[in-house]
Protein backbone atom coordinates (compact mmCIF):
# COMPACT_ATOMS: atom_id res chain seq x y z
CA MET A 1 0.02 0.05 0.01
CA THR A 2 8.85 6.88 -5.07
CA PRO A 3 9.77 9.94 -6.40
CA THR A 4 10.16 13.26 -4.65
CA THR A 5 7.47 14.79 -3.13
CA SER A 6 7.45 19.23 -3.10
CA LEU A 7 10.48 20.78 -1.99
CA ARG A 8 12.34 17.99 -0.79
CA ARG A 9 13.95 14.53 -1.44
CA ALA A 10 11.39 11.62 -0.17
CA ARG A 11 11.92 10.06 3.19
CA THR A 12 10.09 7.25 2.43
CA ALA A 13 9.34 4.81 -0.71
CA ALA A 14 4.88 5.97 -0.04
CA ALA A 15 6.00 9.67 -0.98
CA VAL A 16 4.65 10.71 2.43
CA ALA A 17 6.71 14.32 2.63
CA VAL A 18 8.24 15.14 6.29
CA VAL A 19 8.66 18.69 6.87
CA ALA A 20 9.99 20.59 9.47
CA ALA A 21 8.34 20.88 12.86
CA LEU A 22 5.72 23.58 13.24
CA ALA A 23 6.07 26.02 15.86
CA ALA A 24 2.90 25.66 17.09
CA VAL A 25 0.62 23.11 17.86
CA THR A 26 -2.41 22.98 15.24
CA VAL A 27 -5.78 21.49 15.76
CA PRO A 28 -7.55 20.32 13.04
CA ALA A 29 -11.11 22.31 12.59
CA THR A 30 -14.49 20.53 11.17
CA THR A 31 -14.52 20.75 7.46
CA ALA A 32 -18.10 20.21 7.33
CA SER A 33 -18.29 23.45 9.94
CA ALA A 34 -15.92 25.58 7.74
CA ALA A 35 -17.61 28.32 5.26
CA PRO A 36 -17.97 27.33 1.75
CA GLY A 37 -16.10 30.37 0.65
CA MET A 38 -12.97 29.12 2.77
CA ARG A 39 -13.09 25.62 1.15
CA GLU A 40 -13.84 26.92 -2.34
CA ALA A 41 -10.98 29.35 -1.81
CA ALA A 42 -8.42 26.55 -0.32
CA ILE A 43 -9.26 24.79 -3.75
CA ALA A 44 -8.23 27.37 -6.33
CA LYS A 45 -5.04 27.79 -4.40
CA ALA A 46 -4.41 24.42 -4.71
CA ARG A 47 -5.31 24.09 -8.00
CA ALA A 48 -2.98 27.02 -8.97
CA ASN A 49 -0.26 25.73 -6.31
CA VAL A 50 0.06 22.63 -8.65
CA ALA A 51 0.16 24.60 -11.81
CA ARG A 52 2.78 26.82 -10.49
CA ASN A 53 4.40 24.33 -9.34
CA ALA A 54 4.58 21.59 -11.94
CA GLY A 55 7.77 19.48 -11.75
CA VAL A 56 7.02 18.92 -7.96
CA PHE A 57 3.53 17.24 -8.46
CA GLY A 58 4.70 16.10 -12.29
CA PHE A 59 1.83 17.96 -13.73
CA GLY A 60 2.22 18.40 -17.16
CA ALA A 61 0.25 18.71 -20.45
CA GLY A 62 -2.96 16.07 -20.94
CA GLN A 63 -3.62 15.97 -17.24
CA ASP A 64 -6.60 17.18 -15.06
CA LEU A 65 -7.05 17.55 -11.33
CA VAL A 66 -10.39 16.18 -9.98
CA LEU A 67 -11.26 16.75 -6.49
CA LYS A 68 -11.65 14.31 -3.53
CA ASP A 69 -11.70 16.23 -0.29
CA VAL A 70 -10.58 19.19 1.41
CA VAL A 71 -9.55 19.45 4.70
CA LEU A 72 -9.44 22.99 6.72
CA ASP A 73 -7.25 23.29 9.90
CA ALA A 74 -8.05 25.99 12.50
CA ASP A 75 -5.24 28.09 11.80
CA GLY A 76 -6.22 28.99 8.23
CA ALA A 77 -4.07 25.85 7.07
CA SER A 78 -5.65 23.56 4.14
CA HIS A 79 -5.23 20.22 2.51
CA VAL A 80 -6.66 19.82 -0.30
CA ARG A 81 -6.82 16.01 -2.13
CA PHE A 82 -7.40 15.34 -5.79
CA ASP A 83 -7.51 12.75 -8.27
CA ARG A 84 -5.95 12.78 -11.48
CA THR A 85 -6.80 12.17 -15.14
CA TYR A 86 -4.52 12.21 -18.47
CA GLN A 87 -6.37 13.09 -21.54
CA GLY A 88 -9.37 11.90 -19.66
CA LEU A 89 -8.66 8.18 -18.61
CA PRO A 90 -8.46 7.92 -14.40
CA VAL A 91 -4.77 7.67 -13.49
CA VAL A 92 -4.77 4.81 -10.56
CA GLY A 93 -2.37 6.05 -8.13
CA GLY A 94 -1.88 9.14 -9.51
CA ASP A 95 -3.80 10.85 -6.39
CA LEU A 96 -1.96 14.03 -4.53
CA VAL A 97 -2.75 15.88 -1.43
CA VAL A 98 -1.77 20.05 -1.42
CA HIS A 99 -0.99 21.13 1.88
CA GLN A 100 -1.35 24.87 2.35
CA ASP A 101 -0.86 27.32 5.09
CA GLY A 102 -3.26 30.20 6.14
CA ARG A 103 -2.48 32.30 2.96
CA GLY A 104 -2.80 29.75 1.01
CA ARG A 105 0.79 29.46 0.21
CA LEU A 106 1.91 25.81 -0.71
CA LYS A 107 3.69 24.28 2.30
CA ASP A 108 4.15 20.32 1.30
CA SER A 109 2.74 18.10 -0.80
CA THR A 110 2.08 14.34 -0.63
CA ARG A 111 1.54 12.08 -3.98
CA ALA A 112 0.84 8.54 -4.67
CA ALA A 113 3.05 6.55 -6.77
CA ALA A 114 2.48 8.12 -10.28
CA HIS A 115 4.42 11.01 -10.81
CA GLU A 116 4.66 11.90 -14.49
CA PRO A 117 1.37 9.60 -15.87
CA ALA A 118 2.25 10.27 -19.55
CA VAL A 119 1.94 7.27 -21.63
CA ALA A 120 2.76 7.04 -25.16
CA SER A 121 -0.67 6.09 -26.30
CA THR A 122 -4.03 5.97 -24.72
CA VAL A 123 -5.26 3.67 -28.41
CA PRO A 124 -5.46 0.38 -26.70
CA LYS A 125 -3.77 -2.95 -28.61
CA VAL A 126 -5.93 -5.47 -26.59
CA PRO A 127 -10.14 -4.78 -27.12
CA ALA A 128 -12.04 -4.27 -24.00
CA ARG A 129 -13.82 -7.84 -24.96
CA THR A 130 -10.26 -9.43 -24.40
CA GLY A 131 -9.66 -7.56 -21.09
CA ALA A 132 -13.19 -8.13 -20.17
CA ALA A 133 -13.11 -11.84 -21.12
CA ASP A 134 -9.65 -12.50 -18.78
CA ALA A 135 -11.11 -11.09 -15.98
CA LEU A 136 -14.30 -13.57 -15.98
CA THR A 137 -11.15 -16.03 -16.15
CA ALA A 138 -9.86 -14.27 -12.98
CA ALA A 139 -12.92 -14.27 -10.90
CA PRO A 140 -13.94 -17.95 -10.30
CA GLY A 141 -17.01 -18.82 -8.31
CA VAL A 142 -18.86 -15.56 -9.16
CA ARG A 143 -22.54 -16.31 -10.27
CA ASP A 144 -23.96 -14.57 -13.12
CA ALA A 145 -20.78 -12.37 -13.31
CA VAL A 146 -20.90 -9.25 -15.38
CA SER A 147 -17.38 -7.29 -16.42
CA SER A 148 -17.39 -4.11 -16.70
CA PRO A 149 -13.83 -3.19 -18.48
CA GLU A 150 -12.35 0.60 -18.19
CA LEU A 151 -9.36 2.19 -20.09
CA VAL A 152 -7.05 3.57 -17.12
CA VAL A 153 -3.64 4.91 -16.52
CA TRP A 154 -2.23 2.23 -14.29
CA ALA A 155 0.96 3.96 -12.24
CA ALA A 156 0.41 2.11 -8.74
CA ASP A 157 3.66 0.99 -9.02
CA GLY A 158 5.07 4.26 -10.50
CA THR A 159 5.62 3.54 -13.79
CA PRO A 160 2.26 4.49 -16.09
CA ARG A 161 1.19 2.19 -18.64
CA LEU A 162 -2.32 2.28 -20.23
CA ALA A 163 -4.38 -0.25 -18.64
CA TRP A 164 -7.73 -2.30 -18.76
CA ARG A 165 -9.13 -1.84 -14.82
CA THR A 166 -12.03 -4.35 -15.34
CA THR A 167 -14.50 -5.14 -12.77
CA VAL A 168 -16.65 -8.36 -12.28
CA GLU A 169 -19.50 -8.19 -10.51
CA GLY A 170 -22.13 -11.22 -9.39
CA THR A 171 -23.30 -13.26 -7.02
CA GLY A 172 -21.35 -15.00 -4.19
CA GLU A 173 -22.30 -19.24 -3.18
CA HIS A 174 -24.58 -17.46 -0.15
CA GLY A 175 -26.31 -14.52 -2.61
CA GLN A 176 -23.37 -12.08 -1.08
CA PRO A 177 -22.28 -9.46 -2.89
CA ALA A 178 -19.06 -11.00 -4.97
CA GLY A 179 -16.33 -10.00 -7.13
CA ARG A 180 -12.89 -9.16 -8.49
CA VAL A 181 -11.32 -5.88 -10.31
CA VAL A 182 -8.50 -7.45 -12.74
CA VAL A 183 -6.09 -4.93 -13.95
CA THR A 184 -4.25 -6.25 -17.76
CA ASP A 185 -2.03 -4.36 -19.66
CA ALA A 186 -3.88 -2.54 -22.30
CA THR A 187 -0.89 -3.21 -24.90
CA THR A 188 0.38 -6.86 -24.37
CA GLY A 189 -2.70 -8.51 -22.81
CA GLU A 190 -0.45 -9.13 -19.46
CA GLN A 191 -2.39 -9.39 -16.10
CA ILE A 192 -1.13 -6.74 -13.93
CA GLU A 193 -3.04 -7.56 -10.79
CA ALA A 194 -5.93 -8.71 -9.39
CA TYR A 195 -7.95 -8.05 -5.93
CA ASP A 196 -11.22 -8.46 -4.20
CA ALA A 197 -13.85 -5.68 -5.35
CA GLU A 198 -15.97 -6.08 -1.49
CA HIS A 199 -14.25 -5.60 1.81
CA GLN A 200 -15.44 -8.33 4.04
CA ALA A 201 -15.48 -8.97 7.84
CA THR A 202 -15.94 -12.60 8.32
CA GLY A 203 -17.48 -13.84 11.45
CA THR A 204 -20.03 -16.15 12.94
CA GLY A 205 -22.37 -13.88 14.66
CA ASN A 206 -23.59 -15.49 18.56
CA SER A 207 -26.09 -13.19 20.16
CA GLU A 208 -27.62 -9.77 20.03
CA TYR A 209 -25.00 -8.20 21.00
CA THR A 210 -25.72 -5.22 23.26
CA GLY A 211 -28.86 -5.67 25.35
CA THR A 212 -31.47 -3.25 25.76
CA VAL A 213 -30.48 0.09 24.04
CA THR A 214 -31.91 3.33 22.61
CA VAL A 215 -32.64 3.40 18.68
CA ASP A 216 -33.49 6.58 17.10
CA THR A 217 -37.17 6.08 15.07
CA THR A 218 -39.06 8.15 12.88
CA PRO A 219 -43.21 8.52 13.27
CA VAL A 220 -45.16 7.41 10.05
CA SER A 221 -49.04 6.82 9.82
CA GLY A 222 -49.94 4.08 12.59
CA GLY A 223 -46.90 3.54 13.98
CA TYR A 224 -42.63 4.30 13.69
CA THR A 225 -40.00 2.95 11.45
CA LEU A 226 -36.49 2.30 11.80
CA LYS A 227 -35.01 5.66 10.47
CA ASP A 228 -33.04 7.51 12.27
CA PRO A 229 -34.03 11.63 12.07
CA VAL A 230 -30.86 12.89 13.08
CA ARG A 231 -27.86 11.22 11.37
CA GLY A 232 -30.20 9.91 8.32
CA HIS A 233 -29.49 5.94 8.10
CA VAL A 234 -32.66 3.86 7.39
CA THR A 235 -32.53 0.00 8.24
CA LYS A 236 -34.28 -2.02 6.12
CA ASP A 237 -35.12 -5.69 5.40
CA ALA A 238 -33.38 -7.22 2.22
CA ARG A 239 -35.64 -10.39 2.58
CA ASN A 240 -32.79 -12.62 1.98
CA ALA A 241 -32.60 -10.89 -1.53
CA SER A 242 -28.55 -11.29 -3.14
CA ALA A 243 -26.73 -8.20 -2.12
CA ASN A 244 -25.71 -7.26 -6.00
CA SER A 245 -29.99 -7.11 -6.67
CA LEU A 246 -30.29 -4.40 -3.94
CA ASN A 247 -29.84 -0.57 -4.06
CA SER A 248 -30.83 2.62 -1.55
CA GLY A 249 -34.52 1.99 -2.76
CA SER A 250 -34.59 -1.90 -2.02
CA GLY A 251 -35.79 -4.03 0.75
CA THR A 252 -38.73 -3.36 3.10
CA ALA A 253 -38.96 -0.91 5.62
CA PHE A 254 -39.30 -2.25 9.74
CA THR A 255 -42.30 -0.51 11.31
CA SER A 256 -43.85 -1.34 15.06
CA ALA A 257 -46.98 0.33 16.42
CA THR A 258 -45.43 0.71 19.72
CA ASN A 259 -42.02 1.77 19.27
CA VAL A 260 -40.54 -1.32 20.81
CA TRP A 261 -38.36 -3.76 18.13
CA GLY A 262 -37.29 -7.04 18.73
CA ASP A 263 -37.00 -10.11 21.13
CA GLY A 264 -33.15 -10.14 22.15
CA ARG A 265 -32.63 -13.87 21.13
CA LYS A 266 -30.82 -15.53 18.89
CA PHE A 267 -32.07 -16.72 15.78
CA SER A 268 -34.93 -14.88 16.54
CA THR A 269 -38.37 -15.42 14.36
CA ASP A 270 -39.11 -11.40 14.88
CA ARG A 271 -36.97 -10.06 11.92
CA SER A 272 -36.52 -6.51 13.57
CA THR A 273 -34.39 -8.11 16.24
CA ALA A 274 -31.46 -8.14 14.53
CA ALA A 275 -32.36 -4.56 12.64
CA VAL A 276 -32.22 -3.22 16.60
CA ASP A 277 -27.85 -4.13 16.68
CA ALA A 278 -27.90 -2.62 13.12
CA HIS A 279 -29.69 0.55 13.59
CA ALA A 280 -28.14 1.59 17.03
CA ASN A 281 -24.96 0.37 16.03
CA THR A 282 -24.91 2.46 12.75
CA ALA A 283 -26.07 5.47 14.79
CA TRP A 284 -22.95 4.27 17.44
CA THR A 285 -20.53 4.53 14.05
CA TYR A 286 -22.19 7.84 13.07
CA ASP A 287 -21.94 9.51 16.42
CA TYR A 288 -18.00 8.42 16.58
CA TYR A 289 -16.66 10.06 13.39
CA LYS A 290 -18.54 13.23 13.99
CA ASN A 291 -17.98 13.68 17.97
CA VAL A 292 -14.36 12.39 17.81
CA HIS A 293 -13.29 13.63 14.84
CA GLY A 294 -15.42 16.00 13.07
CA ARG A 295 -16.81 13.67 10.40
CA ASN A 296 -20.24 14.06 9.44
CA GLY A 297 -21.26 11.19 7.90
CA ILE A 298 -19.13 8.57 6.23
CA LYS A 299 -18.40 11.10 2.86
CA ASN A 300 -18.40 14.27 4.84
CA ASP A 301 -21.33 15.46 3.52
CA GLY A 302 -23.98 14.59 6.54
CA LYS A 303 -26.18 11.79 4.29
CA GLY A 304 -26.61 8.52 6.08
CA ALA A 305 -26.17 5.22 4.97
CA THR A 306 -28.93 2.55 3.99
CA VAL A 307 -28.61 -0.74 6.26
CA PHE A 308 -29.72 -4.20 5.00
CA VAL A 309 -30.27 -7.56 7.54
CA HIS A 310 -31.28 -10.39 6.16
CA VAL A 311 -29.26 -10.11 2.94
CA GLY A 312 -28.81 -13.50 1.21
CA THR A 313 -29.61 -17.37 1.89
CA ASN A 314 -27.57 -18.38 4.66
CA TRP A 315 -24.40 -15.51 4.66
CA ASP A 316 -22.39 -15.92 7.42
CA ASN A 317 -20.71 -12.42 7.23
CA ALA A 318 -21.06 -8.76 6.96
CA GLN A 319 -19.76 -5.71 4.51
CA TRP A 320 -20.00 -2.45 3.13
CA SER A 321 -20.96 -1.39 -0.26
CA ASP A 322 -19.63 2.25 -1.74
CA ALA A 323 -21.58 1.76 -5.09
CA CYS A 324 -24.89 1.45 -3.04
CA PHE A 325 -23.30 3.26 -0.32
CA CYS A 326 -25.00 0.70 1.83
CA MET A 327 -23.98 -1.81 5.08
CA MET A 328 -25.20 -5.19 4.47
CA THR A 329 -25.95 -8.27 7.18
CA GLY A 330 -26.73 -11.93 6.32
CA ASP A 331 -28.37 -14.30 8.97
CA GLY A 332 -25.08 -16.33 9.61
CA ASN A 333 -24.92 -19.85 8.83
CA GLY A 334 -28.23 -21.23 10.08
CA THR A 335 -27.55 -23.41 12.41
CA THR A 336 -24.77 -21.77 15.23
CA ASP A 337 -24.20 -18.05 13.85
CA PRO A 338 -26.71 -15.43 13.88
CA GLU A 339 -25.97 -12.29 12.49
CA GLN A 340 -22.87 -10.19 11.94
CA VAL A 341 -24.39 -7.13 13.51
CA ASP A 342 -21.90 -6.25 16.90
CA LEU A 343 -20.59 -3.14 17.52
CA ASP A 344 -16.76 -3.49 16.27
CA THR A 345 -17.39 -5.79 13.34
CA MET A 346 -20.42 -2.61 12.22
CA GLY A 347 -17.68 0.14 12.70
CA HIS A 348 -14.90 -2.05 10.68
CA GLU A 349 -17.41 -2.40 7.54
CA MET A 350 -18.58 1.22 7.53
CA THR A 351 -14.98 2.81 7.83
CA HIS A 352 -13.90 1.01 4.29
CA GLY A 353 -16.89 3.81 2.95
CA VAL A 354 -14.50 6.74 5.12
CA THR A 355 -11.20 4.87 3.80
CA SER A 356 -12.78 5.03 -0.06
CA ALA A 357 -13.87 8.91 0.47
CA THR A 358 -10.36 9.81 2.05
CA ALA A 359 -6.93 8.22 1.40
CA ASN A 360 -8.75 5.41 -1.09
CA LEU A 361 -5.80 2.30 0.18
CA ARG A 362 -6.09 0.21 -2.75
CA TYR A 363 -7.00 -3.26 -1.32
CA SER A 364 -3.91 -5.08 -2.85
CA GLY A 365 -0.60 -4.94 -1.21
CA GLU A 366 0.60 -3.20 1.81
CA SER A 367 -2.22 -0.73 1.06
CA GLY A 368 -4.35 -3.39 1.57
CA GLY A 369 -3.02 -4.11 5.06
CA LEU A 370 -3.55 -0.82 5.84
CA ASN A 371 -7.25 -0.63 4.57
CA GLU A 372 -8.03 -3.75 6.80
CA SER A 373 -6.11 -2.25 9.40
CA THR A 374 -8.01 1.40 9.44
CA SER A 375 -11.04 -0.60 9.67
CA ASP A 376 -9.70 -2.63 12.25
CA ILE A 377 -8.64 0.44 14.15
CA PHE A 378 -11.78 2.65 13.64
CA GLY A 379 -13.93 -0.37 14.55
CA THR A 380 -12.08 -0.87 17.74
CA MET A 381 -12.72 2.43 18.29
CA VAL A 382 -16.24 2.60 17.99
CA GLU A 383 -16.73 -0.28 20.48
CA TRP A 384 -14.65 2.10 23.05
CA TYR A 385 -16.79 5.36 22.54
CA ALA A 386 -20.20 3.54 22.56
CA GLY A 387 -19.24 2.26 26.32
CA ASN A 388 -21.79 -0.42 26.11
CA SER A 389 -21.58 -2.34 29.23
CA ILE A 390 -22.35 -5.98 27.84
CA ASP A 391 -19.86 -5.33 24.46
CA LYS A 392 -17.05 -3.50 26.47
CA GLY A 393 -13.99 -1.95 24.76
CA ASP A 394 -10.80 -4.15 24.33
CA TYR A 395 -7.99 -5.00 21.82
CA LEU A 396 -9.79 -7.89 20.17
CA PHE A 397 -11.89 -7.68 16.61
CA SER A 398 -15.21 -9.02 16.29
CA ASP A 399 -15.04 -11.01 20.09
CA GLN A 400 -18.25 -10.98 20.40
CA SER A 401 -19.36 -12.56 17.03
CA THR A 402 -16.59 -14.85 16.58
CA PRO A 403 -15.44 -15.56 20.08
CA PRO A 404 -12.99 -15.95 21.37
CA TRP A 405 -11.71 -13.45 18.50
CA LEU A 406 -11.58 -12.98 14.94
CA ARG A 407 -8.32 -10.91 15.06
CA ARG A 408 -6.51 -9.37 17.91
CA PHE A 409 -4.16 -5.90 18.35
CA ASP A 410 -1.31 -6.89 21.08
CA LYS A 411 -0.11 -10.30 19.36
CA PRO A 412 -1.50 -10.63 15.52
CA SER A 413 0.40 -13.75 14.77
CA LEU A 414 -1.75 -15.28 17.50
CA ASP A 415 -4.74 -16.39 14.64
CA GLY A 416 -2.03 -18.53 13.13
CA ARG A 417 -2.14 -16.25 10.17
CA SER A 418 -1.33 -12.62 10.84
CA ALA A 419 2.03 -10.50 10.91
CA ASP A 420 3.40 -9.08 13.91
CA CYS A 421 6.39 -7.39 12.73
CA TRP A 422 7.05 -5.76 9.13
CA SER A 423 9.37 -7.60 6.73
CA SER A 424 9.63 -6.96 2.58
CA SER A 425 7.25 -10.31 2.18
CA VAL A 426 3.95 -8.52 4.07
CA GLY A 427 2.51 -7.22 1.23
CA LYS A 428 2.22 -10.75 -0.05
CA LEU A 429 -0.15 -11.63 2.38
CA ASP A 430 -3.95 -11.65 2.34
CA VAL A 431 -5.17 -8.32 3.33
CA HIS A 432 -6.92 -9.46 6.54
CA ASN A 433 -3.64 -10.75 7.70
CA SER A 434 -0.90 -8.39 6.85
CA SER A 435 -2.83 -6.06 8.78
CA GLY A 436 -1.21 -7.32 11.77
CA VAL A 437 1.16 -5.11 11.46
CA GLY A 438 -0.82 -1.43 11.77
CA ASN A 439 -2.83 -3.52 14.17
CA HIS A 440 -0.20 -4.44 16.66
CA TRP A 441 1.74 -0.75 15.79
CA PHE A 442 -1.84 0.19 17.97
CA TYR A 443 -1.93 -1.32 20.16
CA LEU A 444 1.65 -0.81 21.32
CA ALA A 445 1.06 3.01 20.76
CA SER A 446 -1.98 3.12 22.83
CA GLU A 447 -0.69 0.46 25.46
CA GLY A 448 2.67 -0.15 25.24
CA SER A 449 4.41 -3.49 25.47
CA GLY A 450 4.57 -6.12 27.78
CA THR A 451 1.88 -7.64 30.04
CA LYS A 452 -1.42 -5.96 31.01
CA THR A 453 -5.27 -5.84 31.83
CA VAL A 454 -7.80 -3.96 30.17
CA ASN A 455 -10.98 -3.75 30.78
CA GLY A 456 -11.01 -7.44 32.31
CA VAL A 457 -8.97 -8.56 29.51
CA THR A 458 -5.28 -9.54 29.53
CA TYR A 459 -2.77 -8.72 27.16
CA ASN A 460 0.69 -9.39 26.03
CA SER A 461 2.29 -7.66 23.54
CA PRO A 462 6.01 -8.20 22.49
CA THR A 463 7.67 -5.97 20.43
CA CYS A 464 10.10 -6.75 17.25
CA ASN A 465 13.22 -4.92 17.77
CA GLY A 466 13.47 -5.86 21.63
CA SER A 467 12.26 -2.62 23.19
CA SER A 468 10.04 -1.95 25.80
CA THR A 469 7.54 1.06 24.92
CA ALA A 470 4.81 3.18 26.95
CA GLY A 471 1.58 3.74 25.66
CA ILE A 472 -0.53 7.40 25.53
CA GLY A 473 -3.77 6.00 25.23
CA ASN A 474 -6.01 4.89 21.92
CA GLN A 475 -8.10 8.21 22.05
CA LYS A 476 -4.54 10.25 21.01
CA VAL A 477 -3.39 7.39 18.70
CA ALA A 478 -6.89 6.91 17.04
CA LYS A 479 -7.05 10.64 16.54
CA ILE A 480 -3.81 10.75 14.92
CA TRP A 481 -4.41 8.09 12.81
CA TYR A 482 -7.59 9.70 11.65
CA ARG A 483 -5.55 12.90 10.54
CA ALA A 484 -2.70 10.52 8.95
CA LEU A 485 -5.58 8.64 6.63
CA THR A 486 -7.59 11.99 5.96
CA VAL A 487 -4.45 14.45 5.36
CA TYR A 488 -1.63 12.56 4.50
CA MET A 489 -1.77 9.05 3.10
CA THR A 490 -3.12 8.20 -0.28
CA SER A 491 -4.07 5.08 -2.06
CA THR A 492 -0.64 3.83 -2.40
CA THR A 493 0.40 4.61 0.73
CA ASN A 494 2.56 1.60 2.36
CA TYR A 495 3.90 0.87 5.72
CA LYS A 496 7.04 3.18 5.76
CA GLY A 497 4.53 5.58 4.28
CA ALA A 498 1.96 5.26 6.94
CA ARG A 499 4.87 6.01 9.49
CA ALA A 500 5.61 9.44 8.05
CA ALA A 501 1.54 9.87 7.39
CA SER A 502 1.27 9.12 11.17
CA LEU A 503 4.51 11.18 12.58
CA ASN A 504 3.29 14.17 10.21
CA ALA A 505 0.15 13.90 11.87
CA ALA A 506 1.43 13.59 15.12
CA ARG A 507 3.73 16.71 14.81
CA ASP A 508 0.20 18.62 13.94
CA LEU A 509 -1.85 17.58 17.06
CA TYR A 510 0.85 17.72 19.50
CA GLY A 511 4.37 19.19 18.20
CA SER A 512 7.35 17.00 17.01
CA GLY A 513 8.71 17.35 20.43
CA SER A 514 5.90 15.61 22.56
CA ALA A 515 5.72 12.79 24.40
CA GLU A 516 3.13 11.49 21.58
CA TYR A 517 5.28 12.46 18.77
CA ALA A 518 8.03 10.08 20.71
CA ALA A 519 5.31 7.10 21.45
CA VAL A 520 4.30 6.81 17.85
CA ALA A 521 7.89 6.67 16.54
CA ALA A 522 8.76 4.26 19.02
CA ALA A 523 5.86 2.03 18.26
CA TRP A 524 6.48 2.17 14.41
CA SER A 525 10.03 0.82 15.15
CA ALA A 526 9.14 -1.62 17.73
CA VAL A 527 6.96 -3.10 14.68
CA ASN A 528 10.38 -2.85 12.30
CA VAL A 529 8.85 0.03 10.25
CA ASN A 530 11.69 2.60 10.36
């Protein structure tokens, strides 16, 4: 998950620039609350700064900038994120962030792998139908598959070439959305890479997880419906339709004459029971991002998502869909596993939407591991934020729905698959396992190394370099990681780039001479990321 960045030589391979420490600590402002004029002015100045510093950004003839996101700091500084096109084609790995001071002057830059994305020709020698056929072959097990090829400039490894990026979409064996993204060279037909099109967290689910909770509903004729009037999300019954047939208008609304929902039982015949957990946990996720990070919804636009329960047939999983802007949960396996709608799982899946709307970490290699780790981190933080007496905050991911846990942060390798420490081969692992490096870093930065008991759970976290580390608390580390994700990371950020991004964020929030900055650096070194 390069070449030089900004006005200095790159210090890491992820093109995340590390700049001189700020004289004063900068506390980010809430982008959504900033005056529209300030936002538009920052965008205009960012475009001008790219044009004036074309050599720094590798910006030249045939290129255009497509606005992705804007972060405005309290001191007037701004961070404007763009995707890039070349002769109208999307540049994969061409995204960049323009960092500006309060007067709109270029302060620094962050770039993905591509620097100069020009290709010799934008006319493919391999036709689209060939790329589509190759993609279908590379996606076995996907029923009713449809392939959609898109011509792109592929430069995720820094070398631009014309390519077909083909998305294969269909249905998995349990009716869940399934698919692959296959990238092939449009000149030679060579397959460049292939990765899953969907972000999933596999679990078993075995109860209704948070006891008696308050759910926000909307009055309708004859009663109430599960539409949150504050946050905007609506929870619906998919009626076991396959996920690829769903859109935000699909499904059946839940209604109640009494505003009392569900019975709290496993495998309940009351279909609203699973909806209670899904609806409440979506609200907690929304509130966490808004109240802790100032983010107003998944895309920071105030819009709520559609949440579906009872998706597919015996689908023992949950996942987020960007295309639908929906959260989807299945019924479990029908014998031992109920729906996976617990707090950290719901937070995990919806965080994939936040990542897509910001750094858009590619779901492949080290970037893919960081994508999954980000969802684990913030899914866990949603659990801590909720403060539920039944599902207490911990560093065990999906412990409620997949007991004793699906993944853990203090020593990820205890699952028999995940990596505790970074190595040059980490990017070759499945992204759910390479995420262990980021999860381990988060634990060490939060709690430190060695044995300790937190909320009744005993942890014993080693370090990869033999050091002893002290933590600064997960609240601070999560704020640092959120700023790193939304301001400094790009689609091709790898673990070394994530170290630089998080140090930039720690500097912004606490200062380069702070204990927080030192703890972030020490935790990265402790997982062999230097």
